[in-house]
Structure formats: structure tokens, C-alpha cells
């Protein structure tokens, strides 16, 4: 073989090796970029999920407070009603006893 041919073949092999090494380096960079992007997306999704959870908790607390206020209002109204009925029964009992006492005299 001629020296030119051997040099040409060696240059082709060197170029092929350089292309292979460049491809490996580029693939490594792509993998690192993909990892960084995936981590960034994971953190962003986690932050969004935490924000949504906070909103859901705040809404739940608000609804619970409204429900509690409604229950307290109903309980207060019912207690007032029971107190009114109790006072009426007490008045009736007092009148009954007075009628009995007056009737005995």
C-alpha cells in the first residue's frame, strides 16, 4: 500500500474516533441536561402541589368554620327554644302550686 493510502486510512480512523468521542460527550451532556430538567420539573410540580394543598386546606378550614358557626347558631336557637319551653313549664308549675295552695286555704 502506498503511504498516502495508509495516511488517508489513519486520518479516517482518527476522524471516526473523534466523531465517536464527540458523540459520547454530547450524549453525556444531553443526559445531564435531561436530569437537570427533570429535577427542575419535579421541584416545580412539588411546589405547585404544595400550593394547591395549601389552598385546599384553607378552603377546608373556611368551610369548617362556616359549618361550626352554623352549628353554634342552631344550637343557640335550640337552647333558647328549650329555655323558653322550660320557663313556660316552670310558670305552669308555679301556677299549679299556687292554685293548689290557694285552693287549700
N, C-alpha and C. Protein backbone atom coordinates (compact mmCIF):
# COMPACT_ATOMS: atom_id res chain seq x y z
N UNK A 1 0.84 -1.16 0.00
CA UNK A 1 0.00 0.00 0.00
C UNK A 1 0.89 1.23 0.00
N UNK A 2 0.33 2.19 -0.64
CA UNK A 2 1.07 3.43 -0.70
C UNK A 2 0.93 4.19 0.60
N UNK A 3 1.93 5.00 0.87
CA UNK A 3 1.95 5.78 2.10
C UNK A 3 0.77 6.74 2.16
N UNK A 4 0.36 7.29 1.07
CA UNK A 4 -0.80 8.19 1.02
C UNK A 4 -2.07 7.47 1.44
N UNK A 5 -2.22 6.26 0.98
CA UNK A 5 -3.41 5.48 1.30
C UNK A 5 -3.45 5.16 2.80
N UNK A 6 -2.30 4.74 3.32
CA UNK A 6 -2.22 4.43 4.75
C UNK A 6 -2.51 5.68 5.57
N UNK A 7 -1.97 6.82 5.19
CA UNK A 7 -2.22 8.08 5.89
C UNK A 7 -3.69 8.45 5.79
N UNK A 8 -4.27 8.25 4.60
CA UNK A 8 -5.68 8.55 4.42
C UNK A 8 -6.55 7.65 5.32
N UNK A 9 -6.23 6.38 5.39
CA UNK A 9 -6.99 5.45 6.23
C UNK A 9 -6.83 5.82 7.71
N UNK A 10 -5.62 6.17 8.12
CA UNK A 10 -5.38 6.57 9.50
C UNK A 10 -6.15 7.85 9.83
N UNK A 11 -6.19 8.78 8.89
CA UNK A 11 -6.96 10.02 9.10
C UNK A 11 -8.46 9.73 9.23
N UNK A 12 -8.93 8.79 8.42
CA UNK A 12 -10.34 8.41 8.50
C UNK A 12 -10.63 7.77 9.86
N UNK A 13 -9.75 6.89 10.30
CA UNK A 13 -9.93 6.26 11.61
C UNK A 13 -9.89 7.30 12.73
N UNK A 14 -8.94 8.26 12.64
CA UNK A 14 -8.85 9.31 13.65
C UNK A 14 -10.12 10.15 13.63
N UNK A 15 -10.62 10.51 12.45
CA UNK A 15 -11.85 11.29 12.35
C UNK A 15 -13.04 10.52 12.92
N UNK A 16 -13.07 9.21 12.64
CA UNK A 16 -14.15 8.37 13.16
C UNK A 16 -14.07 8.30 14.68
N UNK A 17 -12.87 8.16 15.23
CA UNK A 17 -12.70 8.12 16.68
C UNK A 17 -13.11 9.46 17.31
N UNK A 18 -12.71 10.57 16.66
CA UNK A 18 -13.11 11.90 17.15
C UNK A 18 -14.63 12.04 17.13
N UNK A 19 -15.26 11.59 16.05
CA UNK A 19 -16.72 11.67 15.93
C UNK A 19 -17.38 10.83 17.02
N UNK A 20 -16.83 9.64 17.27
CA UNK A 20 -17.37 8.77 18.31
C UNK A 20 -17.23 9.42 19.68
N UNK A 21 -16.07 9.97 19.99
CA UNK A 21 -15.84 10.62 21.28
C UNK A 21 -16.73 11.86 21.43
N UNK A 22 -16.88 12.61 20.34
CA UNK A 22 -17.77 13.77 20.38
C UNK A 22 -19.22 13.34 20.62
N UNK A 23 -19.63 12.27 19.98
CA UNK A 23 -20.99 11.75 20.16
C UNK A 23 -21.20 11.30 21.61
N UNK A 24 -20.20 10.64 22.17
CA UNK A 24 -20.28 10.21 23.56
C UNK A 24 -20.37 11.42 24.49
N UNK A 25 -19.56 12.42 24.25
CA UNK A 25 -19.57 13.62 25.07
C UNK A 25 -20.91 14.35 24.96
N UNK A 26 -21.41 14.45 23.75
CA UNK A 26 -22.71 15.11 23.54
C UNK A 26 -23.82 14.32 24.20
N UNK A 27 -23.77 13.00 24.12
CA UNK A 27 -24.78 12.16 24.76
C UNK A 27 -24.74 12.34 26.27
N UNK A 28 -23.52 12.43 26.83
CA UNK A 28 -23.36 12.65 28.26
C UNK A 28 -23.97 14.00 28.67
N UNK A 29 -23.71 15.03 27.87
CA UNK A 29 -24.27 16.35 28.15
C UNK A 29 -25.80 16.33 28.07
N UNK A 30 -26.32 15.62 27.06
CA UNK A 30 -27.78 15.53 26.92
C UNK A 30 -28.40 14.83 28.13
N UNK A 31 -27.76 13.80 28.61
CA UNK A 31 -28.26 13.07 29.78
C UNK A 31 -28.24 13.99 31.00
N UNK A 32 -27.16 14.74 31.19
CA UNK A 32 -27.07 15.67 32.32
C UNK A 32 -28.13 16.76 32.23
N UNK A 33 -28.32 17.30 31.03
CA UNK A 33 -29.36 18.32 30.84
C UNK A 33 -30.75 17.75 31.11
N UNK A 34 -30.97 16.52 30.66
CA UNK A 34 -32.26 15.87 30.89
C UNK A 34 -32.49 15.66 32.39
N UNK A 35 -31.44 15.26 33.11
CA UNK A 35 -31.55 15.08 34.55
C UNK A 35 -31.87 16.40 35.24
N UNK A 36 -31.18 17.47 34.84
CA UNK A 36 -31.42 18.78 35.43
C UNK A 36 -32.84 19.25 35.13
N UNK A 37 -33.28 19.06 33.90
CA UNK A 37 -34.63 19.46 33.51
C UNK A 37 -35.67 18.66 34.28
N UNK A 38 -35.44 17.36 34.42
CA UNK A 38 -36.37 16.50 35.16
C UNK A 38 -36.44 16.93 36.62
N UNK A 39 -35.30 17.24 37.23
CA UNK A 39 -35.27 17.68 38.61
C UNK A 39 -36.00 19.01 38.78
N UNK A 40 -35.78 19.93 37.83
CA UNK A 40 -36.45 21.22 37.88
C UNK A 40 -37.97 21.03 37.75
N UNK A 41 -38.38 20.17 36.84
CA UNK A 41 -39.80 19.91 36.65
C UNK A 41 -40.40 19.24 37.89
N UNK A 42 -39.64 18.35 38.51
CA UNK A 42 -40.12 17.68 39.73
C UNK A 42 -40.31 18.70 40.85
N UNK A 43 -39.34 19.59 41.01
CA UNK A 43 -39.45 20.62 42.05
C UNK A 43 -40.62 21.56 41.77
N UNK A 44 -40.78 21.91 40.51
CA UNK A 44 -41.89 22.80 40.14
C UNK A 44 -43.23 22.11 40.41
N UNK A 45 -43.34 20.84 40.04
CA UNK A 45 -44.58 20.10 40.29
C UNK A 45 -44.85 19.97 41.78
N UNK A 46 -43.78 19.75 42.56
CA UNK A 46 -43.93 19.64 44.01
C UNK A 46 -44.38 20.98 44.61
N UNK A 47 -43.81 22.07 44.11
CA UNK A 47 -44.21 23.39 44.61
C UNK A 47 -45.67 23.68 44.27
N UNK A 48 -46.07 23.33 43.06
CA UNK A 48 -47.47 23.53 42.66
C UNK A 48 -48.40 22.66 43.51
N UNK A 49 -47.99 21.42 43.76
CA UNK A 49 -48.81 20.52 44.58
C UNK A 49 -48.93 21.07 46.00
N UNK A 50 -47.84 21.59 46.54
CA UNK A 50 -47.88 22.18 47.88
C UNK A 50 -48.78 23.40 47.92
N UNK A 51 -48.72 24.21 46.87
CA UNK A 51 -49.57 25.39 46.81
C UNK A 51 -51.05 24.98 46.74
N UNK A 52 -51.35 24.00 45.90
CA UNK A 52 -52.73 23.52 45.79
C UNK A 52 -53.20 22.91 47.12
N UNK A 53 -52.32 22.17 47.78
CA UNK A 53 -52.68 21.58 49.07
C UNK A 53 -52.98 22.68 50.08
N UNK A 54 -52.18 23.74 50.06
CA UNK A 54 -52.43 24.86 50.96
C UNK A 54 -53.78 25.51 50.69
N UNK A 55 -54.11 25.65 49.41
CA UNK A 55 -55.41 26.23 49.05
C UNK A 55 -56.55 25.32 49.50
N UNK A 56 -56.39 24.03 49.29
CA UNK A 56 -57.43 23.07 49.69
C UNK A 56 -57.60 23.11 51.21
N UNK A 57 -56.49 23.16 51.94
CA UNK A 57 -56.57 23.22 53.41
C UNK A 57 -57.26 24.50 53.85
N UNK A 58 -56.90 25.62 53.22
CA UNK A 58 -57.51 26.90 53.59
C UNK A 58 -59.02 26.88 53.31
N UNK A 59 -59.40 26.33 52.16
CA UNK A 59 -60.82 26.22 51.83
C UNK A 59 -61.54 25.29 52.81
N UNK A 60 -60.89 24.20 53.17
CA UNK A 60 -61.47 23.26 54.14
C UNK A 60 -61.66 23.91 55.49
N UNK A 61 -60.68 24.69 55.91
CA UNK A 61 -60.80 25.39 57.20
C UNK A 61 -61.94 26.41 57.15
N UNK A 62 -62.02 27.11 56.04
CA UNK A 62 -63.09 28.11 55.90
C UNK A 62 -64.45 27.43 55.94
N UNK A 63 -64.59 26.32 55.22
CA UNK A 63 -65.86 25.60 55.22
C UNK A 63 -66.16 25.05 56.61
N UNK A 64 -65.15 24.54 57.30
CA UNK A 64 -65.34 24.01 58.65
C UNK A 64 -65.77 25.12 59.60
N UNK A 65 -65.17 26.30 59.46
CA UNK A 65 -65.54 27.42 60.32
C UNK A 65 -66.98 27.86 60.06
N UNK A 66 -67.36 27.90 58.78
CA UNK A 66 -68.75 28.23 58.45
C UNK A 66 -69.72 27.20 59.02
N UNK A 67 -69.36 25.93 58.90
CA UNK A 67 -70.21 24.86 59.43
C UNK A 67 -70.30 24.96 60.94
N UNK A 68 -69.15 25.23 61.60
CA UNK A 68 -69.13 25.37 63.05
C UNK A 68 -70.02 26.53 63.49
N UNK A 69 -69.91 27.65 62.78
CA UNK A 69 -70.74 28.82 63.12
C UNK A 69 -72.22 28.50 62.94
N UNK A 70 -72.54 27.74 61.89
CA UNK A 70 -73.93 27.35 61.64
C UNK A 70 -74.43 26.44 62.75
N UNK A 71 -73.60 25.48 63.16
CA UNK A 71 -73.99 24.56 64.24
C UNK A 71 -74.18 25.33 65.55
N UNK A 72 -73.27 26.25 65.83
CA UNK A 72 -73.39 27.04 67.06
C UNK A 72 -74.67 27.88 67.02
N UNK A 73 -74.96 28.48 65.87
CA UNK A 73 -76.18 29.29 65.76
C UNK A 73 -77.41 28.44 65.97
N UNK A 74 -77.44 27.24 65.37
CA UNK A 74 -78.59 26.35 65.55
C UNK A 74 -78.70 25.88 67.01
N UNK A 75 -77.55 25.57 67.59
CA UNK A 75 -77.56 25.13 69.00
C UNK A 75 -78.05 26.25 69.90
N UNK A 76 -77.63 27.48 69.62
CA UNK A 76 -78.08 28.62 70.41
C UNK A 76 -79.57 28.83 70.28
N UNK A 77 -80.07 28.71 69.05
CA UNK A 77 -81.51 28.86 68.83
C UNK A 77 -82.28 27.75 69.53
N UNK A 78 -81.75 26.54 69.46
CA UNK A 78 -82.42 25.42 70.12
C UNK A 78 -82.38 25.58 71.64
N UNK A 79 -81.25 26.05 72.15
CA UNK A 79 -81.15 26.28 73.60
C UNK A 79 -82.14 27.36 74.04
N UNK A 80 -82.26 28.40 73.25
CA UNK A 80 -83.21 29.47 73.56
C UNK A 80 -84.63 28.92 73.55
N UNK A 81 -84.93 28.09 72.57
CA UNK A 81 -86.27 27.48 72.48
C UNK A 81 -86.54 26.60 73.70
N UNK A 82 -85.55 25.79 74.07
CA UNK A 82 -85.70 24.92 75.24
C UNK A 82 -85.85 25.74 76.51
N UNK A 83 -85.10 26.85 76.59
CA UNK A 83 -85.22 27.72 77.77
C UNK A 83 -86.62 28.33 77.84
N UNK A 84 -87.15 28.73 76.69
CA UNK A 84 -88.49 29.31 76.65
C UNK A 84 -89.53 28.27 77.10
N UNK A 85 -89.41 27.06 76.57
CA UNK A 85 -90.33 25.99 76.95
C UNK A 85 -90.18 25.68 78.43
N UNK A 86 -88.93 25.63 78.91
CA UNK A 86 -88.68 25.35 80.32
C UNK A 86 -89.29 26.42 81.22
N UNK A 87 -89.14 27.67 80.84
CA UNK A 87 -89.73 28.76 81.63
C UNK A 87 -91.25 28.67 81.63
N UNK A 88 -91.81 28.31 80.48
CA UNK A 88 -93.27 28.17 80.41
C UNK A 88 -93.73 27.04 81.33
N UNK A 89 -93.01 25.93 81.30
CA UNK A 89 -93.35 24.80 82.19
C UNK A 89 -93.16 25.20 83.66
N UNK A 90 -92.11 25.95 83.95
CA UNK A 90 -91.87 26.41 85.30
C UNK A 90 -93.03 27.33 85.76
N UNK A 91 -93.42 28.26 84.86
CA UNK A 91 -94.55 29.14 85.18
C UNK A 91 -95.82 28.33 85.42
N UNK A 92 -96.04 27.32 84.59
CA UNK A 92 -97.23 26.48 84.76
C UNK A 92 -97.16 25.73 86.09
N UNK A 93 -95.98 25.25 86.43
CA UNK A 93 -95.81 24.54 87.71
C UNK A 93 -96.06 25.48 88.89
N UNK A 94 -95.53 26.70 88.81
CA UNK A 94 -95.75 27.67 89.88
C UNK A 94 -97.23 27.98 90.00
N UNK A 95 -97.91 28.20 88.87
CA UNK A 95 -99.34 28.47 88.91
C UNK A 95 -100.13 27.28 89.47
N UNK A 96 -99.69 26.10 89.11
CA UNK A 96 -100.37 24.90 89.62
C UNK A 96 -100.23 24.84 91.14
N UNK A 97 -98.99 25.06 91.61
CA UNK A 97 -98.76 25.00 93.06
C UNK A 97 -99.54 26.12 93.76
N UNK A 98 -99.53 27.31 93.19
CA UNK A 98 -100.28 28.42 93.79
C UNK A 98 -101.78 28.11 93.81
N UNK A 99 -102.27 27.53 92.71
CA UNK A 99 -103.68 27.15 92.67
C UNK A 99 -103.98 26.12 93.74
N UNK A 100 -103.04 25.19 93.94
CA UNK A 100 -103.24 24.16 94.97
C UNK A 100 -103.22 24.78 96.36
N UNK A 101 -102.28 25.69 96.59
CA UNK A 101 -102.17 26.33 97.89
C UNK A 101 -103.40 27.21 98.13
N UNK A 102 -103.76 27.97 97.16
CA UNK A 102 -104.92 28.86 97.30
C UNK A 102 -106.19 28.03 97.46
N UNK A 103 -106.26 26.93 96.75
CA UNK A 103 -107.43 26.09 96.84
C UNK A 103 -107.55 25.42 98.21
N UNK A 104 -106.40 25.22 98.90
CA UNK A 104 -106.44 24.60 100.22
C UNK A 104 -106.85 25.59 101.28
N UNK A 105 -106.66 26.85 101.11
CA UNK A 105 -106.98 27.84 102.14
C UNK A 105 -108.42 28.12 102.23
